[in-house]
N, C-alpha and C. Protein backbone atom coordinates (compact mmCIF):
# COMPACT_ATOMS: atom_id res chain seq x y z
N UNK A 1 -163.77 -58.94 183.08
CA UNK A 1 -163.12 -58.94 184.29
C UNK A 1 -164.10 -58.93 185.24
N UNK A 2 -163.42 -59.41 186.47
CA UNK A 2 -164.45 -59.19 187.69
C UNK A 2 -163.54 -57.78 188.44
N UNK A 3 -164.48 -57.90 189.41
CA UNK A 3 -163.46 -56.26 190.25
C UNK A 3 -162.82 -57.01 190.88
N UNK A 4 -162.64 -58.24 191.36
CA UNK A 4 -161.48 -58.74 192.14
C UNK A 4 -160.33 -58.85 190.94
N UNK A 5 -160.55 -59.04 189.83
CA UNK A 5 -158.71 -59.09 189.02
C UNK A 5 -158.93 -58.23 188.59
N UNK A 6 -160.10 -56.97 188.53
CA UNK A 6 -159.21 -55.31 187.85
C UNK A 6 -158.46 -55.39 189.45
N UNK A 7 -158.34 -54.86 190.76
CA UNK A 7 -157.81 -54.96 191.71
C UNK A 7 -156.63 -55.25 192.12
N UNK A 8 -156.64 -56.68 191.66
CA UNK A 8 -155.38 -57.60 191.39
C UNK A 8 -154.05 -56.81 190.26
N UNK A 9 -155.12 -56.66 189.53
CA UNK A 9 -154.03 -56.07 187.87
C UNK A 9 -153.97 -54.90 188.31
N UNK A 10 -154.42 -54.03 188.87
CA UNK A 10 -154.04 -52.89 189.50
C UNK A 10 -153.09 -52.13 190.38
N UNK A 11 -152.54 -53.20 191.25
CA UNK A 11 -151.53 -53.23 191.94
C UNK A 11 -149.97 -52.55 190.87
N UNK A 12 -149.94 -52.85 190.23
CA UNK A 12 -148.55 -52.60 189.76
C UNK A 12 -148.95 -51.47 189.63
N UNK A 13 -149.47 -50.33 188.66
CA UNK A 13 -149.82 -49.24 189.07
C UNK A 13 -150.20 -48.49 190.00
N UNK A 14 -150.46 -48.85 190.68
CA UNK A 14 -150.96 -48.30 192.23
C UNK A 14 -149.45 -47.69 192.62
N UNK A 15 -148.45 -48.89 192.80
CA UNK A 15 -147.68 -49.28 193.45
C UNK A 15 -146.62 -47.97 192.88
N UNK A 16 -146.90 -48.22 191.07
CA UNK A 16 -145.62 -47.16 190.83
C UNK A 16 -145.94 -45.14 190.53
N UNK A 17 -147.97 -45.64 191.14
CA UNK A 17 -148.14 -44.11 191.00
C UNK A 17 -147.48 -43.03 192.10
N UNK A 18 -147.66 -44.42 193.49
CA UNK A 18 -147.14 -43.99 194.73
C UNK A 18 -145.82 -43.91 194.91
N UNK A 19 -145.00 -44.19 194.05
CA UNK A 19 -143.81 -44.36 193.65
C UNK A 19 -143.20 -43.09 193.55
N UNK A 20 -143.63 -42.89 192.33
CA UNK A 20 -143.77 -41.47 191.44
C UNK A 20 -144.10 -40.31 192.10
N UNK A 21 -145.18 -39.77 192.73
CA UNK A 21 -146.33 -39.75 193.94
C UNK A 21 -144.98 -38.94 194.62
N UNK A 22 -144.15 -39.20 195.55
CA UNK A 22 -143.37 -40.25 196.69
C UNK A 22 -141.75 -39.71 195.98
N UNK A 23 -141.35 -40.10 195.14
CA UNK A 23 -139.80 -39.12 194.96
C UNK A 23 -139.64 -38.21 194.87
N UNK A 24 -138.58 -37.69 195.11
CA UNK A 24 -138.09 -36.35 194.94
C UNK A 24 -137.28 -36.29 193.56
N UNK A 25 -137.46 -34.45 193.71
CA UNK A 25 -137.18 -34.30 192.11
C UNK A 25 -135.50 -34.99 191.93
N UNK A 26 -135.26 -35.47 190.89
CA UNK A 26 -133.90 -36.21 190.73
C UNK A 26 -132.82 -34.87 190.01
N UNK A 27 -131.52 -34.71 190.68
CA UNK A 27 -131.07 -33.78 190.43
C UNK A 27 -130.07 -35.04 188.72
N UNK A 28 -130.03 -34.73 188.12
CA UNK A 28 -128.84 -34.44 186.69
C UNK A 28 -127.46 -34.09 186.76
N UNK A 29 -126.73 -34.56 187.11
CA UNK A 29 -125.00 -34.48 187.51
C UNK A 29 -124.17 -35.64 185.83
N UNK A 30 -124.02 -35.34 185.03
CA UNK A 30 -123.32 -36.13 183.86
C UNK A 30 -121.71 -35.03 184.35
N UNK A 31 -121.97 -35.33 185.43
CA UNK A 31 -120.07 -34.88 185.34
C UNK A 31 -119.53 -35.79 186.26
N UNK A 32 -118.56 -36.51 185.25
CA UNK A 32 -117.42 -38.25 185.60
C UNK A 32 -116.72 -37.69 186.55
N UNK A 33 -116.42 -38.60 187.33
CA UNK A 33 -115.49 -39.12 188.61
C UNK A 33 -114.05 -38.48 188.35
N UNK A 34 -113.81 -37.49 188.72
CA UNK A 34 -112.62 -36.72 188.40
C UNK A 34 -111.75 -36.17 189.39
N UNK A 35 -111.04 -36.05 189.80
CA UNK A 35 -110.42 -35.02 190.97
C UNK A 35 -110.86 -33.46 191.16
N UNK A 36 -110.82 -32.78 192.27
CA UNK A 36 -111.40 -31.97 192.34
C UNK A 36 -111.18 -30.35 191.21
N UNK A 37 -109.75 -31.37 191.23
CA UNK A 37 -108.73 -29.94 190.55
C UNK A 37 -109.57 -29.72 189.30
N UNK A 38 -109.51 -31.09 188.69
CA UNK A 38 -109.81 -30.79 187.32
C UNK A 38 -111.20 -30.08 187.39
N UNK A 39 -112.53 -30.17 188.23
CA UNK A 39 -113.34 -29.85 188.56
C UNK A 39 -113.15 -28.81 188.23
N UNK A 40 -112.02 -28.32 189.28
CA UNK A 40 -112.15 -26.30 189.45
C UNK A 40 -112.03 -26.03 188.25
N UNK A 41 -110.12 -25.96 187.49
CA UNK A 41 -110.13 -26.07 185.75
C UNK A 41 -111.06 -25.63 185.17
N UNK A 42 -111.76 -26.73 185.08
CA UNK A 42 -112.86 -26.36 184.05
C UNK A 42 -113.70 -25.89 184.12
N UNK A 43 -114.04 -25.03 185.78
CA UNK A 43 -114.88 -24.28 185.94
C UNK A 43 -114.47 -23.57 185.17
N UNK A 44 -112.78 -22.72 185.75
CA UNK A 44 -112.56 -21.38 185.47
C UNK A 44 -112.32 -21.25 183.71
N UNK A 45 -112.55 -22.83 183.57
CA UNK A 45 -112.43 -22.03 181.97
C UNK A 45 -113.81 -22.11 181.22
N UNK A 46 -114.20 -22.80 181.75
CA UNK A 46 -115.94 -22.15 180.96
C UNK A 46 -116.21 -20.87 181.61
N UNK A 47 -115.51 -20.42 183.16
CA UNK A 47 -115.88 -18.72 183.29
C UNK A 47 -115.16 -18.15 182.61
N UNK A 48 -114.58 -17.98 181.59
CA UNK A 48 -113.57 -17.22 181.12
C UNK A 48 -114.03 -17.44 179.34
N UNK A 49 -114.36 -18.57 179.22
CA UNK A 49 -114.94 -18.42 177.68
C UNK A 49 -116.76 -17.85 177.49
N UNK A 50 -117.81 -17.78 179.18
CA UNK A 50 -118.39 -17.14 178.70
C UNK A 50 -118.36 -15.58 178.88
N UNK A 51 -117.19 -15.01 179.44
CA UNK A 51 -116.62 -13.73 179.94
C UNK A 51 -116.69 -13.45 178.17
N UNK A 52 -115.70 -14.12 177.35
CA UNK A 52 -115.59 -13.45 176.28
C UNK A 52 -116.82 -13.42 174.90
N UNK A 53 -118.21 -13.93 175.67
CA UNK A 53 -118.90 -14.22 174.37
C UNK A 53 -120.20 -13.42 175.32
N UNK A 54 -120.41 -12.28 174.44
CA UNK A 54 -121.64 -11.61 174.89
C UNK A 54 -122.45 -11.26 173.58
N UNK A 55 -123.87 -10.96 173.63
CA UNK A 55 -125.16 -10.99 172.78
C UNK A 55 -125.57 -9.10 173.07
N UNK A 56 -125.96 -8.32 172.11
CA UNK A 56 -126.14 -6.88 172.00
C UNK A 56 -127.44 -6.93 170.62
N UNK A 57 -128.92 -6.47 171.88
CA UNK A 57 -129.78 -6.82 170.73
C UNK A 57 -129.95 -5.55 169.95
N UNK A 58 -130.85 -5.64 168.57
CA UNK A 58 -130.51 -4.13 168.24
C UNK A 58 -132.33 -4.51 167.34
N UNK A 59 -132.91 -3.17 168.12
CA UNK A 59 -134.15 -3.20 166.81
C UNK A 59 -134.67 -2.23 166.30
N UNK A 60 -135.63 -2.19 165.13
CA UNK A 60 -136.38 -1.54 164.47
C UNK A 60 -137.35 -1.41 164.69
N UNK A 61 -139.10 -0.28 165.23
CA UNK A 61 -140.23 -0.68 164.72
C UNK A 61 -140.96 -0.28 162.89
N UNK A 62 -141.57 -1.42 162.73
CA UNK A 62 -142.33 -2.10 161.52
C UNK A 62 -143.53 -0.95 160.60
N UNK A 63 -144.05 -0.77 160.72
CA UNK A 63 -145.10 -0.21 160.65
C UNK A 63 -146.47 -1.55 159.52
N UNK A 64 -147.50 -1.46 160.36
CA UNK A 64 -148.48 -2.88 159.34
C UNK A 64 -148.14 -2.64 157.80
N UNK A 65 -148.24 -3.50 157.55
CA UNK A 65 -148.12 -3.76 156.32
C UNK A 65 -146.63 -3.54 154.91
N UNK A 66 -145.85 -3.04 156.53
CA UNK A 66 -144.32 -3.04 156.43
C UNK A 66 -143.33 -4.12 156.56
N UNK A 67 -142.29 -4.24 155.54
CA UNK A 67 -141.71 -5.47 155.63
C UNK A 67 -140.29 -4.60 156.19
N UNK A 68 -139.05 -5.05 156.58
CA UNK A 68 -138.21 -4.50 156.55
C UNK A 68 -136.77 -5.57 157.51
N UNK A 69 -134.99 -4.65 157.35
CA UNK A 69 -134.75 -5.48 157.67
C UNK A 69 -134.01 -5.08 158.03
N UNK A 70 -132.89 -5.75 159.92
CA UNK A 70 -131.52 -5.36 159.97
C UNK A 70 -130.55 -6.15 159.52
N UNK A 71 -129.36 -5.18 160.17
CA UNK A 71 -127.81 -6.23 159.45
C UNK A 71 -127.23 -5.67 160.62
N UNK A 72 -127.22 -6.45 161.99
CA UNK A 72 -125.80 -5.71 162.83
C UNK A 72 -124.57 -6.67 162.95
N UNK A 73 -123.74 -5.60 162.97
CA UNK A 73 -122.72 -6.50 163.27
C UNK A 73 -121.59 -7.38 164.18
N UNK A 74 -120.61 -7.68 164.27
CA UNK A 74 -119.96 -7.68 165.78
C UNK A 74 -119.09 -6.47 165.62
N UNK A 75 -118.88 -6.81 166.57
CA UNK A 75 -117.20 -5.99 166.36
C UNK A 75 -116.02 -6.38 165.97
N UNK A 76 -114.79 -5.07 165.59
CA UNK A 76 -113.85 -5.48 164.79
C UNK A 76 -113.24 -5.83 165.32
N UNK A 77 -112.73 -7.40 165.12
CA UNK A 77 -112.14 -8.15 165.68
C UNK A 77 -112.41 -8.97 166.28
N UNK A 78 -113.62 -9.07 166.40
CA UNK A 78 -114.49 -10.78 166.99
C UNK A 78 -114.68 -11.27 166.11
N UNK A 79 -115.57 -12.69 165.97
CA UNK A 79 -116.49 -13.35 165.12
C UNK A 79 -117.97 -13.52 166.08
N UNK A 80 -118.54 -14.02 164.83
CA UNK A 80 -119.99 -14.40 165.27
C UNK A 80 -119.96 -15.68 165.71
N UNK A 81 -120.89 -15.79 166.71
CA UNK A 81 -121.16 -17.73 167.52
C UNK A 81 -122.95 -18.02 166.73
N UNK A 82 -123.90 -16.87 166.84
CA UNK A 82 -125.11 -16.68 166.19
C UNK A 82 -125.58 -15.92 165.97
N UNK A 83 -127.10 -15.99 165.17
CA UNK A 83 -127.03 -14.68 165.01
C UNK A 83 -129.34 -15.28 165.31
N UNK A 84 -130.05 -14.47 166.69
CA UNK A 84 -131.07 -14.78 166.84
C UNK A 84 -132.12 -13.60 166.25
N UNK A 85 -133.40 -13.55 165.65
CA UNK A 85 -134.60 -13.09 165.70
C UNK A 85 -135.81 -12.87 165.96
N UNK A 86 -136.43 -11.72 166.64
CA UNK A 86 -137.01 -11.75 167.30
C UNK A 86 -138.64 -10.83 166.29
N UNK A 87 -139.92 -10.99 166.77
CA UNK A 87 -141.06 -10.11 166.56
C UNK A 87 -141.42 -9.77 167.50
N UNK A 88 -141.27 -9.05 167.91
CA UNK A 88 -142.22 -7.94 169.41
C UNK A 88 -143.10 -7.26 168.73
N UNK A 89 -144.27 -8.90 169.09
CA UNK A 89 -146.14 -8.29 168.75
C UNK A 89 -146.30 -9.40 168.84
N UNK A 90 -147.40 -10.31 169.46
CA UNK A 90 -146.91 -11.92 169.55
C UNK A 90 -148.47 -11.28 167.94
N UNK A 91 -147.67 -12.70 167.40
CA UNK A 91 -148.81 -13.13 166.22
C UNK A 91 -149.33 -11.26 165.52
N UNK A 92 -148.32 -10.59 165.51
CA UNK A 92 -148.65 -9.22 165.09
C UNK A 92 -147.88 -9.04 163.26
N UNK A 93 -147.17 -10.00 163.19
CA UNK A 93 -145.99 -10.21 162.32
C UNK A 93 -145.42 -11.66 162.36
N UNK A 94 -144.05 -11.75 161.17
CA UNK A 94 -142.95 -13.06 160.64
C UNK A 94 -142.02 -12.65 160.78
N UNK A 95 -141.10 -13.08 161.02
CA UNK A 95 -139.92 -13.35 160.44
C UNK A 95 -139.69 -14.20 159.14
N UNK A 96 -138.96 -13.67 158.36
CA UNK A 96 -138.70 -14.51 157.20
C UNK A 96 -137.49 -14.51 156.45
N UNK A 97 -136.44 -14.45 157.76
CA UNK A 97 -135.08 -14.63 157.02
C UNK A 97 -134.29 -14.24 158.80
N UNK A 98 -133.65 -15.21 158.99
CA UNK A 98 -132.32 -15.25 160.18
C UNK A 98 -131.49 -15.95 159.86
N UNK A 99 -130.50 -14.90 159.13
CA UNK A 99 -129.13 -16.09 159.01
C UNK A 99 -128.12 -15.36 159.27
N UNK A 100 -126.95 -15.56 159.66
CA UNK A 100 -125.15 -15.18 158.67
C UNK A 100 -125.44 -15.39 157.80
N UNK A 101 -124.53 -14.02 157.78
CA UNK A 101 -124.17 -13.13 156.50
C UNK A 101 -123.19 -13.11 155.61
N UNK A 102 -122.17 -13.00 157.30
CA UNK A 102 -121.09 -13.24 156.30
C UNK A 102 -120.01 -13.94 157.93
N UNK A 103 -118.77 -13.23 157.99
CA UNK A 103 -118.14 -13.85 159.48
C UNK A 103 -118.53 -13.26 160.84
N UNK A 104 -119.04 -11.93 160.73
CA UNK A 104 -119.34 -10.76 161.82
C UNK A 104 -120.65 -10.23 161.85
N UNK A 105 -121.03 -10.80 160.74
CA UNK A 105 -122.94 -10.12 159.97
C UNK A 105 -124.39 -10.68 160.45
N UNK A 106 -124.83 -10.11 161.31
CA UNK A 106 -126.43 -10.84 161.79
C UNK A 106 -127.13 -10.52 160.27
N UNK A 107 -128.68 -11.16 159.66
CA UNK A 107 -129.27 -10.46 158.94
C UNK A 107 -130.94 -11.06 159.55
N UNK A 108 -131.74 -9.96 159.68
CA UNK A 108 -133.46 -10.29 160.04
C UNK A 108 -133.45 -9.81 159.78
N UNK A 109 -134.97 -10.27 159.24
CA UNK A 109 -136.04 -9.41 157.64
C UNK A 109 -137.47 -10.22 158.74
N UNK A 110 -138.26 -9.05 159.40
CA UNK A 110 -139.81 -9.22 158.99
C UNK A 110 -140.15 -8.59 158.42
N UNK A 111 -142.05 -8.89 158.72
CA UNK A 111 -143.49 -7.79 157.95
C UNK A 111 -143.87 -8.03 159.13
N UNK A 112 -144.89 -6.75 159.28
CA UNK A 112 -145.74 -6.29 160.18
C UNK A 112 -147.12 -6.29 159.54
N UNK A 113 -148.19 -7.64 159.96
CA UNK A 113 -149.21 -8.14 159.13
C UNK A 113 -150.61 -7.24 159.96
N UNK A 114 -150.86 -7.94 161.43
CA UNK A 114 -152.39 -7.18 162.02
C UNK A 114 -151.65 -6.14 162.72
N UNK A 115 -150.45 -5.56 163.48
CA UNK A 115 -150.57 -4.33 163.91
C UNK A 115 -148.25 -4.09 164.19
N UNK A 116 -148.57 -3.39 163.99
CA UNK A 116 -146.79 -2.50 164.02
C UNK A 116 -145.80 -3.25 165.26
N UNK A 117 -145.04 -3.60 165.16
CA UNK A 117 -143.89 -4.77 165.58
C UNK A 117 -143.27 -4.11 165.81
N UNK A 118 -142.16 -4.51 166.69
CA UNK A 118 -141.14 -4.64 166.83
C UNK A 118 -139.25 -5.56 166.05
N UNK A 119 -138.86 -5.25 165.16
CA UNK A 119 -138.74 -6.66 164.91
C UNK A 119 -136.78 -6.22 165.44
N UNK A 120 -136.58 -7.45 166.15
CA UNK A 120 -135.28 -7.46 167.27
C UNK A 120 -134.03 -8.63 166.93
N UNK A 121 -132.74 -8.41 166.70
CA UNK A 121 -131.86 -8.96 166.14
C UNK A 121 -130.54 -8.85 167.03
N UNK A 122 -130.11 -10.08 167.06
CA UNK A 122 -129.49 -10.41 168.65
C UNK A 122 -128.24 -11.01 167.74
N UNK A 123 -126.80 -10.28 167.47
CA UNK A 123 -125.66 -11.84 167.04
C UNK A 123 -125.29 -12.07 168.48
N UNK A 124 -125.28 -12.93 168.09
CA UNK A 124 -123.97 -13.61 169.79
C UNK A 124 -122.21 -12.97 169.50
N UNK A 125 -121.54 -13.08 169.73
CA UNK A 125 -120.69 -12.68 169.48
C UNK A 125 -119.21 -13.05 170.27
N UNK A 126 -118.44 -13.44 169.40
CA UNK A 126 -116.63 -13.94 170.89
C UNK A 126 -115.93 -13.18 170.84
N UNK A 127 -114.92 -12.92 171.73
CA UNK A 127 -113.70 -12.81 171.07
C UNK A 127 -112.98 -12.05 172.10
N UNK A 128 -111.79 -12.04 171.99
CA UNK A 128 -110.46 -11.21 173.66
C UNK A 128 -110.85 -9.71 174.01
């Protein structure tokens, strides 16, 4: 390949790089074209749902070499949407269980290996 051939074959790449470098951030709006009243109603529904769902973390300290579990529950009359667990001390331990055990109970278990950890459980609850 001669230098002239190389330069000619590179023009499409240079053009693509120039377009990408000068392009702005693309905004993704996948909402279909609907009347403004429908958009407002949908926004009110989403806002109402977000006020009906909450998360509250519970945590305990686990000493080196120990394992423990947390089993927080949602309030009476509510139900669990999701359950999350976390070990707060990066590389200090591990989670071995994160799951819903009933309609309103979250089970999170973990062990501390190299340092004491904070084991955190976060049930996401919904209700009126």
